[in-house]
PDB file of all heavy atoms in Angstrom:
ATOM      1  N   SER A   1      -9.505 -11.728 -12.668  1.00  0.00           N
ATOM      2  CA  SER A   1      -8.159 -11.878 -12.125  1.00  0.00           C
ATOM      3  C   SER A   1      -7.867 -13.334 -11.820  1.00  0.00           C
ATOM      4  O   SER A   1      -8.629 -13.987 -11.112  1.00  0.00           O
ATOM      5  CB  SER A   1      -8.012 -11.053 -10.836  1.00  0.00           C
ATOM      6  OG  SER A   1      -6.766 -11.296 -10.235  1.00  0.00           O
ATOM      7  N   PRO A   2      -6.754 -13.883 -12.335  1.00  0.00           N
ATOM      8  CA  PRO A   2      -6.449 -15.294 -12.106  1.00  0.00           C
ATOM      9  C   PRO A   2      -6.096 -15.603 -10.663  1.00  0.00           C
ATOM     10  O   PRO A   2      -6.097 -16.741 -10.259  1.00  0.00           O
ATOM     11  CB  PRO A   2      -5.250 -15.552 -13.036  1.00  0.00           C
ATOM     12  CG  PRO A   2      -4.630 -14.208 -13.233  1.00  0.00           C
ATOM     13  CD  PRO A   2      -5.760 -13.229 -13.201  1.00  0.00           C
ATOM     14  N   SER A   3      -5.769 -14.596  -9.882  1.00  0.00           N
ATOM     15  CA  SER A   3      -5.421 -14.822  -8.478  1.00  0.00           C
ATOM     16  C   SER A   3      -6.258 -13.904  -7.604  1.00  0.00           C
ATOM     17  O   SER A   3      -5.767 -13.233  -6.717  1.00  0.00           O
ATOM     18  CB  SER A   3      -3.923 -14.564  -8.248  1.00  0.00           C
ATOM     19  OG  SER A   3      -3.133 -15.364  -9.055  1.00  0.00           O
ATOM     20  N   SER A   4      -7.559 -13.859  -7.885  1.00  0.00           N
ATOM     21  CA  SER A   4      -8.447 -12.899  -7.244  1.00  0.00           C
ATOM     22  C   SER A   4      -8.317 -12.923  -5.731  1.00  0.00           C
ATOM     23  O   SER A   4      -8.375 -13.968  -5.098  1.00  0.00           O
ATOM     24  CB  SER A   4      -9.901 -13.184  -7.637  1.00  0.00           C
ATOM     25  OG  SER A   4     -10.766 -12.235  -7.083  1.00  0.00           O
ATOM     26  N   GLY A   5      -8.146 -11.717  -5.130  1.00  0.00           N
ATOM     27  CA  GLY A   5      -8.085 -11.596  -3.685  1.00  0.00           C
ATOM     28  C   GLY A   5      -6.702 -11.764  -3.103  1.00  0.00           C
ATOM     29  O   GLY A   5      -6.514 -11.524  -1.917  1.00  0.00           O
ATOM     30  N   ASP A   6      -5.714 -12.171  -3.907  1.00  0.00           N
ATOM     31  CA  ASP A   6      -4.389 -12.420  -3.383  1.00  0.00           C
ATOM     32  C   ASP A   6      -3.428 -11.255  -3.571  1.00  0.00           C
ATOM     33  O   ASP A   6      -2.284 -11.330  -3.160  1.00  0.00           O
ATOM     34  CB  ASP A   6      -3.776 -13.670  -4.044  1.00  0.00           C
ATOM     35  CG  ASP A   6      -4.502 -14.940  -3.635  1.00  0.00           C
ATOM     36  OD1 ASP A   6      -5.083 -14.963  -2.545  1.00  0.00           O
ATOM     37  OD2 ASP A   6      -4.480 -15.896  -4.424  1.00  0.00           O
ATOM     38  N   GLY A   7      -3.869 -10.195  -4.224  1.00  0.00           N
ATOM     39  CA  GLY A   7      -2.986  -9.060  -4.458  1.00  0.00           C
ATOM     40  C   GLY A   7      -2.748  -8.282  -3.185  1.00  0.00           C
ATOM     41  O   GLY A   7      -3.652  -8.076  -2.361  1.00  0.00           O
ATOM     42  N   VAL A   8      -1.521  -7.828  -2.986  1.00  0.00           N
ATOM     43  CA  VAL A   8      -1.208  -6.983  -1.836  1.00  0.00           C
ATOM     44  C   VAL A   8      -1.922  -5.650  -2.021  1.00  0.00           C
ATOM     45  O   VAL A   8      -1.793  -5.015  -3.071  1.00  0.00           O
ATOM     46  CB  VAL A   8       0.310  -6.770  -1.723  1.00  0.00           C
ATOM     47  CG1 VAL A   8       0.640  -5.741  -0.648  1.00  0.00           C
ATOM     48  CG2 VAL A   8       1.011  -8.087  -1.426  1.00  0.00           C
ATOM     49  N   PRO A   9      -2.710  -5.212  -1.034  1.00  0.00           N
ATOM     50  CA  PRO A   9      -3.459  -3.962  -1.204  1.00  0.00           C
ATOM     51  C   PRO A   9      -2.534  -2.750  -1.270  1.00  0.00           C
ATOM     52  O   PRO A   9      -1.428  -2.759  -0.725  1.00  0.00           O
ATOM     53  CB  PRO A   9      -4.345  -3.909   0.037  1.00  0.00           C
ATOM     54  CG  PRO A   9      -3.669  -4.781   1.044  1.00  0.00           C
ATOM     55  CD  PRO A   9      -2.999  -5.863   0.262  1.00  0.00           C
ATOM     56  N   LEU A  10      -2.993  -1.718  -1.936  1.00  0.00           N
ATOM     57  CA  LEU A  10      -2.245  -0.477  -2.012  1.00  0.00           C
ATOM     58  C   LEU A  10      -2.015   0.081  -0.611  1.00  0.00           C
ATOM     59  O   LEU A  10      -2.945   0.227   0.170  1.00  0.00           O
ATOM     60  CB  LEU A  10      -3.009   0.545  -2.863  1.00  0.00           C
ATOM     61  CG  LEU A  10      -2.474   1.980  -2.850  1.00  0.00           C
ATOM     62  CD1 LEU A  10      -1.079   2.050  -3.433  1.00  0.00           C
ATOM     63  CD2 LEU A  10      -3.427   2.911  -3.601  1.00  0.00           C
ATOM     64  N   ASP A  11      -0.783   0.393  -0.313  1.00  0.00           N
ATOM     65  CA  ASP A  11      -0.410   0.964   0.978  1.00  0.00           C
ATOM     66  C   ASP A  11       0.208   2.334   0.715  1.00  0.00           C
ATOM     67  O   ASP A  11       1.336   2.427   0.216  1.00  0.00           O
ATOM     68  CB  ASP A  11       0.591   0.052   1.683  1.00  0.00           C
ATOM     69  CG  ASP A  11       0.974   0.553   3.072  1.00  0.00           C
ATOM     70  OD1 ASP A  11       0.651   1.707   3.396  1.00  0.00           O
ATOM     71  OD2 ASP A  11       1.613  -0.213   3.817  1.00  0.00           O
ATOM     72  N   PRO A  12      -0.495   3.424   1.032  1.00  0.00           N
ATOM     73  CA  PRO A  12       0.052   4.760   0.766  1.00  0.00           C
ATOM     74  C   PRO A  12       1.395   5.005   1.454  1.00  0.00           C
ATOM     75  O   PRO A  12       2.198   5.790   0.948  1.00  0.00           O
ATOM     76  CB  PRO A  12      -1.027   5.702   1.317  1.00  0.00           C
ATOM     77  CG  PRO A  12      -2.282   4.892   1.293  1.00  0.00           C
ATOM     78  CD  PRO A  12      -1.853   3.487   1.579  1.00  0.00           C
ATOM     79  N   THR A  13       1.645   4.332   2.570  1.00  0.00           N
ATOM     80  CA  THR A  13       2.920   4.555   3.261  1.00  0.00           C
ATOM     81  C   THR A  13       4.090   3.921   2.518  1.00  0.00           C
ATOM     82  O   THR A  13       5.247   4.112   2.899  1.00  0.00           O
ATOM     83  CB  THR A  13       2.881   3.995   4.695  1.00  0.00           C
ATOM     84  OG1 THR A  13       2.883   2.562   4.679  1.00  0.00           O
ATOM     85  CG2 THR A  13       1.671   4.500   5.449  1.00  0.00           C
ATOM     86  N   ARG A  14       3.779   3.176   1.446  1.00  0.00           N
ATOM     87  CA  ARG A  14       4.847   2.614   0.609  1.00  0.00           C
ATOM     88  C   ARG A  14       4.797   3.167  -0.821  1.00  0.00           C
ATOM     89  O   ARG A  14       5.487   2.642  -1.690  1.00  0.00           O
ATOM     90  CB  ARG A  14       4.764   1.084   0.594  1.00  0.00           C
ATOM     91  CG  ARG A  14       5.312   0.440   1.874  1.00  0.00           C
ATOM     92  CD  ARG A  14       5.640  -1.018   1.675  1.00  0.00           C
ATOM     93  NE  ARG A  14       6.302  -1.639   2.811  1.00  0.00           N
ATOM     94  CZ  ARG A  14       7.601  -1.595   3.064  1.00  0.00           C
ATOM     95  NH1 ARG A  14       8.398  -0.911   2.271  1.00  0.00           N
ATOM     96  NH2 ARG A  14       8.117  -2.211   4.102  1.00  0.00           N
ATOM     97  N   SER A  15       4.040   4.217  -1.044  1.00  0.00           N
ATOM     98  CA  SER A  15       3.996   4.834  -2.370  1.00  0.00           C
ATOM     99  C   SER A  15       4.831   6.108  -2.384  1.00  0.00           C
ATOM    100  O   SER A  15       4.623   7.009  -1.551  1.00  0.00           O
ATOM    101  CB  SER A  15       2.556   5.170  -2.779  1.00  0.00           C
ATOM    102  OG  SER A  15       2.554   6.018  -3.918  1.00  0.00           O
ATOM    103  N   LEU A  16       5.738   6.199  -3.340  1.00  0.00           N
ATOM    104  CA  LEU A  16       6.568   7.391  -3.481  1.00  0.00           C
ATOM    105  C   LEU A  16       5.743   8.631  -3.814  1.00  0.00           C
ATOM    106  O   LEU A  16       6.241   9.752  -3.686  1.00  0.00           O
ATOM    107  CB  LEU A  16       7.611   7.172  -4.583  1.00  0.00           C
ATOM    108  CG  LEU A  16       8.710   6.155  -4.279  1.00  0.00           C
ATOM    109  CD1 LEU A  16       9.495   5.841  -5.552  1.00  0.00           C
ATOM    110  CD2 LEU A  16       9.636   6.678  -3.197  1.00  0.00           C
ATOM    111  N   LEU A  17       4.505   8.452  -4.241  1.00  0.00           N
ATOM    112  CA  LEU A  17       3.652   9.567  -4.624  1.00  0.00           C
ATOM    113  C   LEU A  17       2.846  10.107  -3.457  1.00  0.00           C
ATOM    114  O   LEU A  17       2.145  11.118  -3.600  1.00  0.00           O
ATOM    115  CB  LEU A  17       2.690   9.139  -5.738  1.00  0.00           C
ATOM    116  CG  LEU A  17       3.309   8.420  -6.932  1.00  0.00           C
ATOM    117  CD1 LEU A  17       2.234   8.116  -7.971  1.00  0.00           C
ATOM    118  CD2 LEU A  17       4.433   9.239  -7.544  1.00  0.00           C
ATOM    119  N   SER A  18       2.912   9.469  -2.309  1.00  0.00           N
ATOM    120  CA  SER A  18       2.045   9.800  -1.184  1.00  0.00           C
ATOM    121  C   SER A  18       2.757  10.666  -0.147  1.00  0.00           C
ATOM    122  O   SER A  18       3.941  10.479   0.139  1.00  0.00           O
ATOM    123  CB  SER A  18       1.548   8.509  -0.520  1.00  0.00           C
ATOM    124  OG  SER A  18       0.866   8.782   0.677  1.00  0.00           O
ATOM    125  N   GLU A  19       2.005  11.586   0.444  1.00  0.00           N
ATOM    126  CA  GLU A  19       2.540  12.374   1.550  1.00  0.00           C
ATOM    127  C   GLU A  19       2.757  11.505   2.790  1.00  0.00           C
ATOM    128  O   GLU A  19       3.475  11.912   3.706  1.00  0.00           O
ATOM    129  CB  GLU A  19       1.584  13.523   1.879  1.00  0.00           C
ATOM    130  CG  GLU A  19       1.475  14.571   0.769  1.00  0.00           C
ATOM    131  CD  GLU A  19       0.543  15.708   1.139  1.00  0.00           C
ATOM    132  OE1 GLU A  19      -0.061  15.625   2.233  1.00  0.00           O
ATOM    133  OE2 GLU A  19       0.422  16.667   0.346  1.00  0.00           O
ATOM    134  N   GLU A  20       2.161  10.326   2.813  1.00  0.00           N
ATOM    135  CA  GLU A  20       2.306   9.424   3.952  1.00  0.00           C
ATOM    136  C   GLU A  20       3.498   8.465   3.793  1.00  0.00           C
ATOM    137  O   GLU A  20       3.673   7.559   4.618  1.00  0.00           O
ATOM    138  CB  GLU A  20       1.046   8.578   4.121  1.00  0.00           C
ATOM    139  CG  GLU A  20      -0.239   9.363   4.309  1.00  0.00           C
ATOM    140  CD  GLU A  20      -1.448   8.451   4.273  1.00  0.00           C
ATOM    141  OE1 GLU A  20      -1.504   7.501   5.080  1.00  0.00           O
ATOM    142  OE2 GLU A  20      -2.321   8.669   3.416  1.00  0.00           O
ATOM    143  N   TYR A  21       4.298   8.651   2.761  1.00  0.00           N
ATOM    144  CA  TYR A  21       5.361   7.695   2.460  1.00  0.00           C
ATOM    145  C   TYR A  21       6.263   7.448   3.671  1.00  0.00           C
ATOM    146  O   TYR A  21       6.776   8.385   4.276  1.00  0.00           O
ATOM    147  CB  TYR A  21       6.200   8.190   1.282  1.00  0.00           C
ATOM    148  CG  TYR A  21       7.274   7.211   0.851  1.00  0.00           C
ATOM    149  CD1 TYR A  21       6.931   5.942   0.413  1.00  0.00           C
ATOM    150  CD2 TYR A  21       8.613   7.544   0.918  1.00  0.00           C
ATOM    151  CE1 TYR A  21       7.902   5.024   0.031  1.00  0.00           C
ATOM    152  CE2 TYR A  21       9.606   6.640   0.529  1.00  0.00           C
ATOM    153  CZ  TYR A  21       9.240   5.388   0.097  1.00  0.00           C
ATOM    154  OH  TYR A  21      10.198   4.472  -0.282  1.00  0.00           O
ATOM    155  N   ARG A  22       6.397   6.154   4.012  1.00  0.00           N
ATOM    156  CA  ARG A  22       7.227   5.640   5.107  1.00  0.00           C
ATOM    157  C   ARG A  22       6.728   6.088   6.487  1.00  0.00           C
ATOM    158  O   ARG A  22       7.415   5.891   7.486  1.00  0.00           O
ATOM    159  CB  ARG A  22       8.693   6.033   4.936  1.00  0.00           C
ATOM    160  CG  ARG A  22       9.312   5.706   3.583  1.00  0.00           C
ATOM    161  CD  ARG A  22       9.492   4.244   3.326  1.00  0.00           C
ATOM    162  NE  ARG A  22      10.494   3.603   4.165  1.00  0.00           N
ATOM    163  CZ  ARG A  22      10.870   2.338   4.023  1.00  0.00           C
ATOM    164  NH1 ARG A  22      10.314   1.583   3.083  1.00  0.00           N
ATOM    165  NH2 ARG A  22      11.779   1.808   4.808  1.00  0.00           N
ATOM    166  N   ALA A  23       5.513   6.637   6.575  1.00  0.00           N
ATOM    167  CA  ALA A  23       4.912   6.974   7.872  1.00  0.00           C
ATOM    168  C   ALA A  23       4.088   5.774   8.314  1.00  0.00           C
ATOM    169  O   ALA A  23       2.865   5.742   8.183  1.00  0.00           O
ATOM    170  CB  ALA A  23       4.042   8.223   7.751  1.00  0.00           C
ATOM    171  N   PHE A  24       4.750   4.775   8.848  1.00  0.00           N
ATOM    172  CA  PHE A  24       4.134   3.467   9.077  1.00  0.00           C
ATOM    173  C   PHE A  24       3.227   3.399  10.304  1.00  0.00           C
ATOM    174  O   PHE A  24       2.562   2.380  10.517  1.00  0.00           O
ATOM    175  CB  PHE A  24       5.229   2.407   9.224  1.00  0.00           C
ATOM    176  CG  PHE A  24       6.092   2.219   7.999  1.00  0.00           C
ATOM    177  CD1 PHE A  24       7.436   1.877   8.113  1.00  0.00           C
ATOM    178  CD2 PHE A  24       5.562   2.373   6.730  1.00  0.00           C
ATOM    179  CE1 PHE A  24       8.226   1.696   6.995  1.00  0.00           C
ATOM    180  CE2 PHE A  24       6.350   2.198   5.597  1.00  0.00           C
ATOM    181  CZ  PHE A  24       7.685   1.863   5.734  1.00  0.00           C
ATOM    182  N   ASP A  25       3.166   4.444  11.095  1.00  0.00           N
ATOM    183  CA  ASP A  25       2.459   4.365  12.382  1.00  0.00           C
ATOM    184  C   ASP A  25       0.988   4.009  12.243  1.00  0.00           C
ATOM    185  O   ASP A  25       0.419   3.365  13.122  1.00  0.00           O
ATOM    186  CB  ASP A  25       2.598   5.697  13.121  1.00  0.00           C
ATOM    187  CG  ASP A  25       4.049   6.065  13.388  1.00  0.00           C
ATOM    188  OD1 ASP A  25       4.706   6.505  12.412  1.00  0.00           O
ATOM    189  OD2 ASP A  25       4.525   5.911  14.517  1.00  0.00           O
ATOM    190  N   GLY A  26       0.352   4.405  11.132  1.00  0.00           N
ATOM    191  CA  GLY A  26      -1.071   4.152  10.988  1.00  0.00           C
ATOM    192  C   GLY A  26      -1.417   2.875  10.247  1.00  0.00           C
ATOM    193  O   GLY A  26      -2.597   2.618   9.987  1.00  0.00           O
ATOM    194  N   VAL A  27      -0.432   2.038   9.946  1.00  0.00           N
ATOM    195  CA  VAL A  27      -0.688   0.814   9.186  1.00  0.00           C
ATOM    196  C   VAL A  27      -1.367  -0.217  10.084  1.00  0.00           C
ATOM    197  O   VAL A  27      -0.878  -0.516  11.186  1.00  0.00           O
ATOM    198  CB  VAL A  27       0.624   0.244   8.608  1.00  0.00           C
ATOM    199  CG1 VAL A  27       0.375  -1.086   7.906  1.00  0.00           C
ATOM    200  CG2 VAL A  27       1.249   1.248   7.647  1.00  0.00           C
TER     201      VAL A  27
END
């Protein structure tokens, strides 16, 4: 990866596929 370590990690509360979508309390 040309920018190793700089990618924003996957956040299930921002995935439309997740049951946690927009449930930000646990972030």
